[in-house]
Amino acid sequence: MFDVFTLPNWRIGRSKIPEDIYNNIMSEIKEIQNCGSPNKWNKELAGAIEKEYLLIKSRSSLVSFLKDMAAKYVDCEIKNLSEYGLLPTPDDARRSETKAEFEVLQIWVNYQQKNEYNPIHNHGGDFSFVLWMEIPFKHSDECKVKNVVNSNSSQNASNFEFIYNDILGKINTYSFPVESGWEGRIIMFPAKLLHIVYPFQTSDGYRISISGNLNRVN
């Protein structure tokens, strides 16, 4: 008999936010876009992005969704790790018996313009999320831009990408070809997981995303 199995590791959670939450957040996004905001957040962030602000007015509409998503995410991953007898500490084993609870830390909005980017970075807290609100381009068009079309990494153009080591120590990547049509999609991941956002070049519009961090409190 022969079989294979996967060594335990954290996976990525994904979902889509309800339309009413999306619309509420977009209302504040458009208000900031049209009127500005005193709550600039650039100095706390790694991005080479001019316009980054704290989300204030619509924050409460998203918090409950984030807490529920995080609890489901952790529950799935504790079960996943437990299958291999791997829970990092006895405290984690105890906490896995009760529903995880979270506090949501700062939430911010990125108005990413043509040629702006987020370099390789990670976040604070226990878990982080990215929620895509508006994407003004198609990935296939980005891959055809003259300065990338002949590159062996042309398929990375404009992507959101994770960077991580496999069990042999090799650096691997996993890319999300974010484009128009991804509005409302959200992913959640361990905050220390390195990631990068490549620039786009085919639109003068904003790629608008929401990001933030969560801490587990039990």
N, C-alpha and C. Protein backbone atom coordinates (compact mmCIF):
# COMPACT_ATOMS: atom_id res chain seq x y z
N MET A 1 0.85 -1.20 0.00
CA MET A 1 0.00 0.00 0.00
C MET A 1 0.89 1.25 0.00
N PHE A 2 0.50 2.23 -0.79
CA PHE A 2 1.22 3.50 -0.85
C PHE A 2 0.23 4.64 -0.84
N ASP A 3 0.51 5.66 -0.04
CA ASP A 3 -0.29 6.88 -0.10
C ASP A 3 0.61 8.06 0.22
N VAL A 4 0.09 9.25 0.07
CA VAL A 4 0.82 10.46 0.39
C VAL A 4 -0.05 11.32 1.29
N PHE A 5 0.57 12.19 2.06
CA PHE A 5 -0.19 13.08 2.91
C PHE A 5 0.52 14.43 2.97
N THR A 6 -0.23 15.43 3.36
CA THR A 6 0.29 16.80 3.43
C THR A 6 0.76 17.11 4.84
N LEU A 7 1.96 17.67 4.95
CA LEU A 7 2.41 18.11 6.27
C LEU A 7 1.54 19.28 6.73
N PRO A 8 1.28 19.36 8.02
CA PRO A 8 0.36 20.40 8.52
C PRO A 8 0.89 21.80 8.28
N ASN A 9 0.01 22.66 7.88
CA ASN A 9 0.37 24.06 7.65
C ASN A 9 -0.92 24.87 7.62
N TRP A 10 -0.80 26.15 7.91
CA TRP A 10 -1.96 27.03 7.80
C TRP A 10 -2.35 27.22 6.34
N ARG A 11 -3.64 27.26 6.09
CA ARG A 11 -4.16 27.51 4.76
C ARG A 11 -4.76 28.92 4.72
N ILE A 12 -5.31 29.29 3.57
CA ILE A 12 -5.86 30.63 3.37
C ILE A 12 -7.38 30.55 3.37
N GLY A 13 -8.02 31.45 4.11
CA GLY A 13 -9.48 31.52 4.11
C GLY A 13 -9.97 32.49 3.05
N ARG A 14 -11.10 32.21 2.46
CA ARG A 14 -11.65 33.12 1.46
C ARG A 14 -13.16 33.15 1.52
N SER A 15 -13.73 34.26 1.12
CA SER A 15 -15.18 34.43 1.16
C SER A 15 -15.55 35.61 0.27
N LYS A 16 -16.81 36.01 0.35
CA LYS A 16 -17.28 37.21 -0.34
C LYS A 16 -18.22 37.94 0.61
N ILE A 17 -18.05 39.25 0.72
CA ILE A 17 -18.87 39.99 1.67
C ILE A 17 -20.27 40.22 1.11
N PRO A 18 -21.27 40.32 1.98
CA PRO A 18 -22.64 40.58 1.53
C PRO A 18 -22.74 41.94 0.83
N GLU A 19 -23.72 42.07 -0.05
CA GLU A 19 -23.86 43.28 -0.85
C GLU A 19 -24.10 44.52 0.00
N ASP A 20 -24.87 44.38 1.10
CA ASP A 20 -25.17 45.55 1.91
C ASP A 20 -23.90 46.09 2.60
N ILE A 21 -23.02 45.20 3.04
CA ILE A 21 -21.76 45.63 3.65
C ILE A 21 -20.87 46.28 2.59
N TYR A 22 -20.82 45.66 1.41
CA TYR A 22 -20.03 46.23 0.31
C TYR A 22 -20.50 47.65 -0.01
N ASN A 23 -21.79 47.84 -0.12
CA ASN A 23 -22.32 49.15 -0.48
C ASN A 23 -22.05 50.18 0.61
N ASN A 24 -22.14 49.78 1.86
CA ASN A 24 -21.88 50.70 2.96
C ASN A 24 -20.42 51.16 2.95
N ILE A 25 -19.50 50.22 2.73
CA ILE A 25 -18.08 50.57 2.67
C ILE A 25 -17.80 51.45 1.46
N MET A 26 -18.39 51.12 0.32
CA MET A 26 -18.16 51.90 -0.89
C MET A 26 -18.63 53.34 -0.71
N SER A 27 -19.67 53.53 0.09
CA SER A 27 -20.16 54.88 0.34
C SER A 27 -19.08 55.73 1.02
N GLU A 28 -18.41 55.16 2.02
CA GLU A 28 -17.32 55.90 2.68
C GLU A 28 -16.12 56.05 1.75
N ILE A 29 -15.83 55.01 0.98
CA ILE A 29 -14.71 55.07 0.03
C ILE A 29 -14.90 56.23 -0.95
N LYS A 30 -16.09 56.38 -1.48
CA LYS A 30 -16.36 57.45 -2.44
C LYS A 30 -16.33 58.82 -1.75
N GLU A 31 -16.79 58.87 -0.51
CA GLU A 31 -16.74 60.13 0.25
C GLU A 31 -15.30 60.58 0.45
N ILE A 32 -14.43 59.64 0.85
CA ILE A 32 -13.01 59.97 1.03
C ILE A 32 -12.40 60.38 -0.31
N GLN A 33 -12.76 59.65 -1.36
CA GLN A 33 -12.21 59.93 -2.68
C GLN A 33 -12.59 61.32 -3.16
N ASN A 34 -13.81 61.75 -2.86
CA ASN A 34 -14.31 63.04 -3.34
C ASN A 34 -13.94 64.20 -2.42
N CYS A 35 -13.89 63.94 -1.12
CA CYS A 35 -13.73 65.03 -0.15
C CYS A 35 -12.42 64.98 0.64
N GLY A 36 -11.71 63.88 0.53
CA GLY A 36 -10.49 63.72 1.31
C GLY A 36 -10.78 63.24 2.72
N SER A 37 -9.72 63.02 3.49
CA SER A 37 -9.84 62.54 4.86
C SER A 37 -8.62 62.97 5.65
N PRO A 38 -8.80 63.35 6.93
CA PRO A 38 -7.65 63.69 7.78
C PRO A 38 -6.95 62.46 8.34
N ASN A 39 -7.52 61.29 8.09
CA ASN A 39 -7.03 60.07 8.74
C ASN A 39 -6.07 59.29 7.84
N LYS A 40 -5.01 59.97 7.40
CA LYS A 40 -4.01 59.29 6.56
C LYS A 40 -3.28 58.24 7.39
N TRP A 41 -2.94 57.12 6.74
CA TRP A 41 -2.36 55.99 7.45
C TRP A 41 -1.04 55.53 6.83
N ASN A 42 -0.50 56.32 5.93
CA ASN A 42 0.70 55.92 5.19
C ASN A 42 1.87 55.56 6.08
N LYS A 43 2.11 56.32 7.13
CA LYS A 43 3.29 56.11 7.97
C LYS A 43 3.26 54.78 8.71
N GLU A 44 2.10 54.15 8.77
CA GLU A 44 1.97 52.85 9.44
C GLU A 44 2.06 51.69 8.46
N LEU A 45 2.18 52.01 7.17
CA LEU A 45 2.09 50.98 6.13
C LEU A 45 3.34 50.96 5.26
N ALA A 46 3.54 49.83 4.59
CA ALA A 46 4.75 49.61 3.80
C ALA A 46 4.62 50.11 2.36
N GLY A 47 3.40 50.38 1.91
CA GLY A 47 3.16 50.60 0.49
C GLY A 47 3.74 51.87 -0.08
N ALA A 48 4.17 51.80 -1.33
CA ALA A 48 4.54 52.99 -2.11
C ALA A 48 3.26 53.49 -2.78
N ILE A 49 2.33 53.92 -1.93
CA ILE A 49 0.98 54.31 -2.36
C ILE A 49 0.67 55.67 -1.73
N GLU A 50 0.25 56.62 -2.54
CA GLU A 50 0.01 57.98 -2.05
C GLU A 50 -1.19 58.07 -1.12
N LYS A 51 -2.28 57.39 -1.47
CA LYS A 51 -3.54 57.61 -0.76
C LYS A 51 -3.95 56.36 0.03
N GLU A 52 -3.70 56.41 1.34
CA GLU A 52 -4.06 55.34 2.26
C GLU A 52 -4.65 55.97 3.52
N TYR A 53 -5.86 55.53 3.88
CA TYR A 53 -6.59 56.18 4.98
C TYR A 53 -7.23 55.13 5.88
N LEU A 54 -7.39 55.50 7.15
CA LEU A 54 -8.18 54.66 8.05
C LEU A 54 -9.64 54.68 7.61
N LEU A 55 -10.29 53.53 7.74
CA LEU A 55 -11.72 53.43 7.50
C LEU A 55 -12.42 53.66 8.84
N ILE A 56 -13.31 54.63 8.91
CA ILE A 56 -13.91 55.02 10.18
C ILE A 56 -15.42 54.77 10.20
N LYS A 57 -16.15 55.44 9.30
CA LYS A 57 -17.61 55.44 9.36
C LYS A 57 -18.22 54.08 9.08
N SER A 58 -17.68 53.32 8.13
CA SER A 58 -18.27 52.04 7.76
C SER A 58 -17.61 50.86 8.45
N ARG A 59 -16.66 51.13 9.33
CA ARG A 59 -15.92 50.07 10.02
C ARG A 59 -16.85 49.09 10.72
N SER A 60 -17.83 49.62 11.44
CA SER A 60 -18.70 48.77 12.27
C SER A 60 -19.49 47.77 11.43
N SER A 61 -19.80 48.13 10.18
CA SER A 61 -20.57 47.21 9.33
C SER A 61 -19.74 46.00 8.92
N LEU A 62 -18.42 46.12 8.99
CA LEU A 62 -17.54 45.04 8.55
C LEU A 62 -17.04 44.19 9.71
N VAL A 63 -17.01 44.75 10.92
CA VAL A 63 -16.38 44.09 12.06
C VAL A 63 -17.01 42.73 12.37
N SER A 64 -18.33 42.67 12.42
CA SER A 64 -18.99 41.40 12.76
C SER A 64 -18.69 40.33 11.73
N PHE A 65 -18.71 40.72 10.46
CA PHE A 65 -18.37 39.75 9.40
C PHE A 65 -16.96 39.24 9.58
N LEU A 66 -16.00 40.13 9.88
CA LEU A 66 -14.60 39.73 10.04
C LEU A 66 -14.42 38.79 11.22
N LYS A 67 -15.08 39.09 12.34
CA LYS A 67 -14.96 38.24 13.52
C LYS A 67 -15.51 36.84 13.25
N ASP A 68 -16.65 36.79 12.56
CA ASP A 68 -17.25 35.49 12.25
C ASP A 68 -16.38 34.71 11.27
N MET A 69 -15.84 35.40 10.26
CA MET A 69 -14.97 34.73 9.29
C MET A 69 -13.71 34.20 9.98
N ALA A 70 -13.12 35.01 10.87
CA ALA A 70 -11.91 34.59 11.57
C ALA A 70 -12.18 33.38 12.46
N ALA A 71 -13.32 33.36 13.14
CA ALA A 71 -13.66 32.23 14.00
C ALA A 71 -13.80 30.95 13.19
N LYS A 72 -14.47 31.04 12.04
CA LYS A 72 -14.62 29.87 11.18
C LYS A 72 -13.27 29.43 10.62
N TYR A 73 -12.46 30.39 10.27
CA TYR A 73 -11.13 30.10 9.72
C TYR A 73 -10.28 29.35 10.73
N VAL A 74 -10.22 29.86 11.95
CA VAL A 74 -9.42 29.22 12.99
C VAL A 74 -9.97 27.84 13.32
N ASP A 75 -11.28 27.71 13.38
CA ASP A 75 -11.89 26.41 13.68
C ASP A 75 -11.49 25.37 12.63
N CYS A 76 -11.54 25.75 11.37
CA CYS A 76 -11.14 24.83 10.29
C CYS A 76 -9.66 24.47 10.40
N GLU A 77 -8.82 25.46 10.72
CA GLU A 77 -7.39 25.21 10.75
C GLU A 77 -6.96 24.44 11.98
N ILE A 78 -7.61 24.65 13.13
CA ILE A 78 -7.31 23.85 14.32
C ILE A 78 -7.62 22.38 14.05
N LYS A 79 -8.75 22.13 13.39
CA LYS A 79 -9.11 20.75 13.03
C LYS A 79 -8.10 20.17 12.04
N ASN A 80 -7.68 21.00 11.09
CA ASN A 80 -6.69 20.57 10.10
C ASN A 80 -5.38 20.18 10.79
N LEU A 81 -4.89 21.02 11.70
CA LEU A 81 -3.64 20.74 12.39
C LEU A 81 -3.78 19.58 13.36
N SER A 82 -4.95 19.46 13.97
CA SER A 82 -5.17 18.40 14.95
C SER A 82 -5.13 17.02 14.30
N GLU A 83 -5.52 16.94 13.02
CA GLU A 83 -5.48 15.66 12.32
C GLU A 83 -4.08 15.06 12.30
N TYR A 84 -3.08 15.93 12.39
CA TYR A 84 -1.70 15.48 12.37
C TYR A 84 -1.07 15.50 13.76
N GLY A 85 -1.90 15.69 14.77
CA GLY A 85 -1.39 15.73 16.13
C GLY A 85 -0.56 16.96 16.41
N LEU A 86 -0.76 18.02 15.63
CA LEU A 86 0.05 19.22 15.79
C LEU A 86 -0.82 20.39 16.25
N LEU A 87 -0.74 20.70 17.54
CA LEU A 87 -1.25 21.94 18.08
C LEU A 87 -0.06 22.57 18.79
N PRO A 88 0.29 23.80 18.45
CA PRO A 88 1.55 24.37 18.92
C PRO A 88 1.76 24.37 20.43
N THR A 89 0.71 24.61 21.21
CA THR A 89 0.87 24.65 22.66
C THR A 89 -0.35 24.02 23.31
N PRO A 90 -0.24 23.59 24.59
CA PRO A 90 -1.42 23.09 25.30
C PRO A 90 -2.54 24.12 25.36
N ASP A 91 -2.17 25.40 25.39
CA ASP A 91 -3.19 26.44 25.43
C ASP A 91 -4.01 26.45 24.16
N ASP A 92 -3.36 26.19 23.02
CA ASP A 92 -4.11 26.10 21.76
C ASP A 92 -5.09 24.94 21.78
N ALA A 93 -4.68 23.84 22.40
CA ALA A 93 -5.57 22.68 22.49
C ALA A 93 -6.79 23.03 23.32
N ARG A 94 -6.57 23.76 24.41
CA ARG A 94 -7.70 24.17 25.25
C ARG A 94 -8.62 25.12 24.49
N ARG A 95 -8.01 26.09 23.81
CA ARG A 95 -8.81 27.09 23.10
C ARG A 95 -9.58 26.48 21.94
N SER A 96 -9.08 25.39 21.37
CA SER A 96 -9.76 24.77 20.23
C SER A 96 -11.11 24.17 20.63
N GLU A 97 -11.33 24.00 21.94
CA GLU A 97 -12.58 23.42 22.42
C GLU A 97 -13.70 24.44 22.49
N THR A 98 -13.36 25.72 22.41
CA THR A 98 -14.37 26.78 22.45
C THR A 98 -14.24 27.64 21.20
N LYS A 99 -15.32 28.31 20.84
CA LYS A 99 -15.30 29.17 19.66
C LYS A 99 -14.34 30.32 19.86
N ALA A 100 -13.47 30.53 18.90
CA ALA A 100 -12.49 31.60 18.99
C ALA A 100 -13.19 32.96 18.91
N GLU A 101 -12.69 33.91 19.67
CA GLU A 101 -13.19 35.28 19.63
C GLU A 101 -12.04 36.22 19.27
N PHE A 102 -12.38 37.31 18.59
CA PHE A 102 -11.35 38.19 18.05
C PHE A 102 -11.68 39.65 18.31
N GLU A 103 -10.64 40.47 18.35
CA GLU A 103 -10.80 41.91 18.28
C GLU A 103 -10.24 42.37 16.94
N VAL A 104 -10.94 43.27 16.30
CA VAL A 104 -10.51 43.81 15.02
C VAL A 104 -9.70 45.07 15.29
N LEU A 105 -8.49 45.11 14.79
CA LEU A 105 -7.63 46.28 14.97
C LEU A 105 -7.94 47.30 13.86
N GLN A 106 -6.98 48.08 13.47
CA GLN A 106 -7.25 49.10 12.46
C GLN A 106 -7.65 48.48 11.12
N ILE A 107 -8.54 49.19 10.43
CA ILE A 107 -8.93 48.84 9.07
C ILE A 107 -8.63 50.05 8.20
N TRP A 108 -7.98 49.83 7.06
CA TRP A 108 -7.63 50.96 6.21
C TRP A 108 -7.98 50.67 4.76
N VAL A 109 -8.04 51.75 3.99
CA VAL A 109 -8.37 51.65 2.57
C VAL A 109 -7.18 52.14 1.75
N ASN A 110 -6.85 51.39 0.71
CA ASN A 110 -5.77 51.74 -0.22
C ASN A 110 -6.37 52.17 -1.55
N TYR A 111 -6.02 53.36 -2.00
CA TYR A 111 -6.38 53.82 -3.34
C TYR A 111 -5.11 53.71 -4.19
N GLN A 112 -4.90 52.55 -4.77
CA GLN A 112 -3.66 52.31 -5.51
C GLN A 112 -3.80 52.81 -6.94
N GLN A 113 -2.86 53.66 -7.36
CA GLN A 113 -2.86 54.22 -8.70
C GLN A 113 -1.86 53.49 -9.60
N LYS A 114 -1.96 53.79 -10.89
CA LYS A 114 -1.04 53.21 -11.87
C LYS A 114 0.41 53.34 -11.40
N ASN A 115 1.15 52.23 -11.48
CA ASN A 115 2.57 52.15 -11.16
C ASN A 115 2.88 52.17 -9.66
N GLU A 116 1.90 52.34 -8.80
CA GLU A 116 2.14 52.22 -7.36
C GLU A 116 2.14 50.74 -6.99
N TYR A 117 2.71 50.43 -5.82
CA TYR A 117 2.84 49.02 -5.45
C TYR A 117 3.00 48.87 -3.94
N ASN A 118 2.80 47.66 -3.46
CA ASN A 118 3.12 47.28 -2.10
C ASN A 118 4.30 46.33 -2.15
N PRO A 119 5.44 46.66 -1.54
CA PRO A 119 6.59 45.75 -1.55
C PRO A 119 6.33 44.55 -0.66
N ILE A 120 7.26 43.60 -0.63
CA ILE A 120 7.13 42.44 0.24
C ILE A 120 7.04 42.92 1.69
N HIS A 121 6.01 42.47 2.39
CA HIS A 121 5.81 42.89 3.78
C HIS A 121 4.88 41.91 4.47
N ASN A 122 4.75 42.04 5.77
CA ASN A 122 3.73 41.32 6.52
C ASN A 122 3.03 42.30 7.44
N HIS A 123 2.16 41.79 8.30
CA HIS A 123 1.32 42.65 9.14
C HIS A 123 1.51 42.33 10.61
N GLY A 124 0.97 43.19 11.46
CA GLY A 124 0.90 42.92 12.88
C GLY A 124 -0.37 42.16 13.21
N GLY A 125 -0.50 41.75 14.48
CA GLY A 125 -1.67 40.99 14.88
C GLY A 125 -1.51 39.51 14.62
N ASP A 126 -2.60 38.77 14.79
CA ASP A 126 -2.58 37.32 14.56
C ASP A 126 -2.98 36.96 13.13
N PHE A 127 -4.01 37.63 12.63
CA PHE A 127 -4.50 37.36 11.28
C PHE A 127 -4.75 38.67 10.56
N SER A 128 -4.69 38.60 9.25
CA SER A 128 -4.92 39.77 8.41
C SER A 128 -5.90 39.42 7.29
N PHE A 129 -6.43 40.44 6.66
CA PHE A 129 -7.33 40.21 5.53
C PHE A 129 -7.09 41.25 4.46
N VAL A 130 -7.50 40.92 3.25
CA VAL A 130 -7.56 41.86 2.14
C VAL A 130 -8.92 41.69 1.49
N LEU A 131 -9.58 42.81 1.26
CA LEU A 131 -10.91 42.84 0.64
C LEU A 131 -10.83 43.76 -0.57
N TRP A 132 -11.12 43.21 -1.76
CA TRP A 132 -11.04 44.01 -2.97
C TRP A 132 -12.38 44.67 -3.25
N MET A 133 -12.33 45.99 -3.45
CA MET A 133 -13.54 46.78 -3.61
C MET A 133 -13.77 47.26 -5.04
N GLU A 134 -12.69 47.63 -5.72
CA GLU A 134 -12.83 48.14 -7.09
C GLU A 134 -11.52 47.88 -7.84
N ILE A 135 -11.61 47.23 -8.99
CA ILE A 135 -10.42 46.93 -9.79
C ILE A 135 -10.70 47.39 -11.23
N PRO A 136 -9.90 48.34 -11.75
CA PRO A 136 -10.23 48.97 -13.04
C PRO A 136 -9.52 48.36 -14.24
N PHE A 137 -9.09 47.11 -14.17
CA PHE A 137 -8.34 46.53 -15.28
C PHE A 137 -8.59 45.03 -15.36
N LYS A 138 -8.18 44.44 -16.47
CA LYS A 138 -8.20 43.00 -16.66
C LYS A 138 -6.77 42.46 -16.60
N HIS A 139 -6.61 41.34 -15.94
CA HIS A 139 -5.28 40.76 -15.78
C HIS A 139 -4.66 40.43 -17.13
N SER A 140 -5.45 39.93 -18.06
CA SER A 140 -4.91 39.57 -19.38
C SER A 140 -4.32 40.77 -20.09
N ASP A 141 -4.90 41.95 -19.89
CA ASP A 141 -4.34 43.17 -20.50
C ASP A 141 -3.02 43.55 -19.84
N GLU A 142 -2.93 43.39 -18.53
CA GLU A 142 -1.70 43.71 -17.82
C GLU A 142 -0.54 42.82 -18.29
N CYS A 143 -0.84 41.58 -18.62
CA CYS A 143 0.21 40.65 -19.06
C CYS A 143 0.72 40.97 -20.45
N LYS A 144 0.02 41.84 -21.17
CA LYS A 144 0.41 42.17 -22.55
C LYS A 144 1.15 43.50 -22.66
N VAL A 145 1.33 44.19 -21.54
CA VAL A 145 2.04 45.47 -21.58
C VAL A 145 3.47 45.24 -22.08
N LYS A 146 3.98 46.15 -22.89
CA LYS A 146 5.23 45.90 -23.62
C LYS A 146 6.43 45.63 -22.72
N ASN A 147 6.47 46.20 -21.52
CA ASN A 147 7.64 45.97 -20.67
C ASN A 147 7.56 44.68 -19.87
N VAL A 148 6.44 43.93 -19.98
CA VAL A 148 6.33 42.65 -19.26
C VAL A 148 5.99 41.47 -20.18
N VAL A 149 5.49 41.73 -21.38
CA VAL A 149 4.94 40.67 -22.21
C VAL A 149 5.97 39.59 -22.54
N ASN A 150 7.23 39.95 -22.67
CA ASN A 150 8.26 38.97 -23.02
C ASN A 150 9.03 38.46 -21.81
N SER A 151 8.60 38.84 -20.64
CA SER A 151 9.27 38.39 -19.42
C SER A 151 8.79 37.00 -19.02
N ASN A 152 9.67 36.22 -18.35
CA ASN A 152 9.23 34.91 -17.88
C ASN A 152 8.36 35.02 -16.63
N SER A 153 8.12 36.26 -16.15
CA SER A 153 7.22 36.46 -15.02
C SER A 153 6.04 37.35 -15.40
N SER A 154 5.72 37.38 -16.69
CA SER A 154 4.65 38.26 -17.17
C SER A 154 3.30 37.96 -16.51
N GLN A 155 3.08 36.68 -16.13
CA GLN A 155 1.80 36.32 -15.53
C GLN A 155 1.63 36.89 -14.12
N ASN A 156 2.71 37.43 -13.54
CA ASN A 156 2.62 38.06 -12.23
C ASN A 156 2.12 39.50 -12.30
N ALA A 157 2.07 40.07 -13.49
CA ALA A 157 1.72 41.47 -13.64
C ALA A 157 0.41 41.80 -12.93
N SER A 158 0.46 42.79 -12.05
CA SER A 158 -0.69 43.34 -11.30
C SER A 158 -1.23 42.41 -10.22
N ASN A 159 -0.59 41.27 -9.97
CA ASN A 159 -1.13 40.28 -9.02
C ASN A 159 -0.94 40.67 -7.56
N PHE A 160 -1.77 40.06 -6.71
CA PHE A 160 -1.52 39.95 -5.28
C PHE A 160 -0.85 38.60 -5.08
N GLU A 161 0.26 38.57 -4.32
CA GLU A 161 1.04 37.33 -4.26
C GLU A 161 1.58 37.06 -2.86
N PHE A 162 1.47 35.81 -2.41
CA PHE A 162 2.10 35.36 -1.18
C PHE A 162 3.49 34.81 -1.49
N ILE A 163 4.42 35.00 -0.54
CA ILE A 163 5.77 34.47 -0.64
C ILE A 163 6.04 33.65 0.61
N TYR A 164 6.48 32.39 0.44
CA TYR A 164 6.65 31.52 1.59
C TYR A 164 7.69 30.44 1.28
N ASN A 165 8.22 29.82 2.33
CA ASN A 165 9.17 28.72 2.19
C ASN A 165 8.43 27.39 2.27
N ASP A 166 8.81 26.44 1.38
CA ASP A 166 8.24 25.11 1.50
C ASP A 166 9.08 24.28 2.48
N ILE A 167 8.75 23.01 2.66
CA ILE A 167 9.41 22.19 3.68
C ILE A 167 10.86 21.89 3.34
N LEU A 168 11.27 22.17 2.09
CA LEU A 168 12.66 21.98 1.70
C LEU A 168 13.45 23.29 1.77
N GLY A 169 12.79 24.35 2.20
CA GLY A 169 13.45 25.65 2.31
C GLY A 169 13.41 26.47 1.04
N LYS A 170 12.77 25.97 0.00
CA LYS A 170 12.66 26.71 -1.26
C LYS A 170 11.62 27.81 -1.12
N ILE A 171 11.94 28.99 -1.67
CA ILE A 171 10.99 30.09 -1.67
C ILE A 171 9.96 29.86 -2.78
N ASN A 172 8.70 29.80 -2.39
CA ASN A 172 7.60 29.62 -3.34
C ASN A 172 6.68 30.83 -3.31
N THR A 173 5.84 30.94 -4.32
CA THR A 173 4.86 32.01 -4.39
C THR A 173 3.50 31.43 -4.77
N TYR A 174 2.47 32.16 -4.38
CA TYR A 174 1.11 31.82 -4.82
C TYR A 174 0.43 33.13 -5.19
N SER A 175 0.02 33.27 -6.45
CA SER A 175 -0.51 34.53 -6.96
C SER A 175 -2.02 34.50 -7.15
N PHE A 176 -2.63 35.64 -6.90
CA PHE A 176 -4.05 35.85 -7.17
C PHE A 176 -4.15 36.86 -8.31
N PRO A 177 -4.68 36.46 -9.47
CA PRO A 177 -4.79 37.37 -10.60
C PRO A 177 -5.99 38.31 -10.44
N VAL A 178 -5.88 39.19 -9.48
CA VAL A 178 -6.99 40.11 -9.14
C VAL A 178 -7.28 41.02 -10.34
N GLU A 179 -8.55 41.14 -10.68
CA GLU A 179 -8.96 41.95 -11.83
C GLU A 179 -10.40 42.38 -11.67
N SER A 180 -10.88 43.15 -12.62
CA SER A 180 -12.28 43.55 -12.62
C SER A 180 -13.17 42.31 -12.54
N GLY A 181 -14.12 42.32 -11.61
CA GLY A 181 -14.95 41.15 -11.35
C GLY A 181 -14.66 40.52 -9.99
N TRP A 182 -13.55 40.92 -9.38
CA TRP A 182 -13.18 40.41 -8.05
C TRP A 182 -13.77 41.26 -6.92
N GLU A 183 -14.55 42.26 -7.25
CA GLU A 183 -15.09 43.14 -6.23
C GLU A 183 -15.90 42.36 -5.19
N GLY A 184 -15.61 42.60 -3.92
CA GLY A 184 -16.31 41.93 -2.83
C GLY A 184 -15.63 40.67 -2.33
N ARG A 185 -14.61 40.17 -3.04
CA ARG A 185 -13.88 38.99 -2.57
C ARG A 185 -12.94 39.37 -1.43
N ILE A 186 -12.81 38.45 -0.48
CA ILE A 186 -11.97 38.69 0.68
C ILE A 186 -11.16 37.43 1.00
N ILE A 187 -9.90 37.62 1.39
CA ILE A 187 -9.09 36.50 1.86
C ILE A 187 -8.56 36.83 3.25
N MET A 188 -8.33 35.79 4.04
CA MET A 188 -7.80 35.92 5.40
C MET A 188 -6.63 34.97 5.55
N PHE A 189 -5.60 35.42 6.29
CA PHE A 189 -4.36 34.65 6.36
C PHE A 189 -3.59 35.03 7.61
N PRO A 190 -2.62 34.19 8.02
CA PRO A 190 -1.78 34.54 9.17
C PRO A 190 -1.04 35.86 8.90
N ALA A 191 -1.04 36.75 9.88
CA ALA A 191 -0.52 38.10 9.67
C ALA A 191 0.95 38.13 9.29
N LYS A 192 1.73 37.13 9.70
CA LYS A 192 3.16 37.14 9.41
C LYS A 192 3.49 36.56 8.03
N LEU A 193 2.49 36.13 7.29
CA LEU A 193 2.72 35.59 5.96
C LEU A 193 3.11 36.73 5.01
N LEU A 194 4.28 36.64 4.40
CA LEU A 194 4.76 37.69 3.50
C LEU A 194 3.91 37.76 2.23
N HIS A 195 3.68 38.98 1.76
CA HIS A 195 2.92 39.15 0.53
C HIS A 195 3.35 40.44 -0.16
N ILE A 196 2.98 40.54 -1.43
CA ILE A 196 3.37 41.67 -2.27
C ILE A 196 2.20 41.99 -3.21
N VAL A 197 2.08 43.27 -3.59
CA VAL A 197 1.08 43.67 -4.58
C VAL A 197 1.82 44.35 -5.72
N TYR A 198 1.78 43.73 -6.90
CA TYR A 198 2.48 44.28 -8.06
C TYR A 198 1.70 45.45 -8.67
N PRO A 199 2.40 46.36 -9.32
CA PRO A 199 1.71 47.51 -9.93
C PRO A 199 0.91 47.12 -11.17
N PHE A 200 -0.08 47.92 -11.48
CA PHE A 200 -0.82 47.78 -12.74
C PHE A 200 -0.47 48.97 -13.63
N GLN A 201 -0.73 48.82 -14.94
CA GLN A 201 -0.29 49.87 -15.88
C GLN A 201 -1.34 50.26 -16.92
N THR A 202 -2.45 49.54 -17.01
CA THR A 202 -3.35 49.74 -18.15
C THR A 202 -4.55 50.62 -17.84
N SER A 203 -4.63 51.19 -16.64
CA SER A 203 -5.79 52.00 -16.29
C SER A 203 -5.35 53.23 -15.49
N ASP A 204 -6.09 54.31 -15.65
CA ASP A 204 -5.86 55.51 -14.85
C ASP A 204 -6.78 55.55 -13.64
N GLY A 205 -7.57 54.49 -13.44
CA GLY A 205 -8.44 54.42 -12.28
C GLY A 205 -7.71 53.91 -11.04
N TYR A 206 -8.42 53.80 -9.95
CA TYR A 206 -7.87 53.30 -8.69
C TYR A 206 -8.18 51.81 -8.51
N ARG A 207 -7.18 51.06 -8.08
CA ARG A 207 -7.44 49.72 -7.53
C ARG A 207 -7.66 49.96 -6.03
N ILE A 208 -8.89 49.76 -5.59
CA ILE A 208 -9.26 50.07 -4.21
C ILE A 208 -9.42 48.79 -3.41
N SER A 209 -8.70 48.70 -2.32
CA SER A 209 -8.79 47.53 -1.45
C SER A 209 -8.86 47.97 0.01
N ILE A 210 -9.41 47.08 0.83
CA ILE A 210 -9.49 47.28 2.27
C ILE A 210 -8.60 46.23 2.92
N SER A 211 -7.82 46.63 3.91
CA SER A 211 -7.00 45.68 4.65
C SER A 211 -7.10 45.97 6.14
N GLY A 212 -6.70 44.99 6.95
CA GLY A 212 -6.71 45.17 8.39
C GLY A 212 -6.23 43.92 9.11
N ASN A 213 -6.16 44.01 10.41
CA ASN A 213 -5.62 42.94 11.24
C ASN A 213 -6.57 42.60 12.39
N LEU A 214 -6.43 41.36 12.87
CA LEU A 214 -7.22 40.88 14.00
C LEU A 214 -6.32 40.19 15.01
N ASN A 215 -6.68 40.29 16.27
CA ASN A 215 -6.04 39.53 17.34
C ASN A 215 -7.03 38.56 17.95
N ARG A 216 -6.56 37.38 18.27
CA ARG A 216 -7.41 36.43 19.00
C ARG A 216 -7.38 36.79 20.48
N VAL A 217 -8.56 36.81 21.12
CA VAL A 217 -8.64 37.23 22.53
C VAL A 217 -9.02 36.09 23.46
N ASN A 218 -9.25 34.88 22.94
CA ASN A 218 -9.45 33.71 23.82
C ASN A 218 -8.86 32.46 23.18
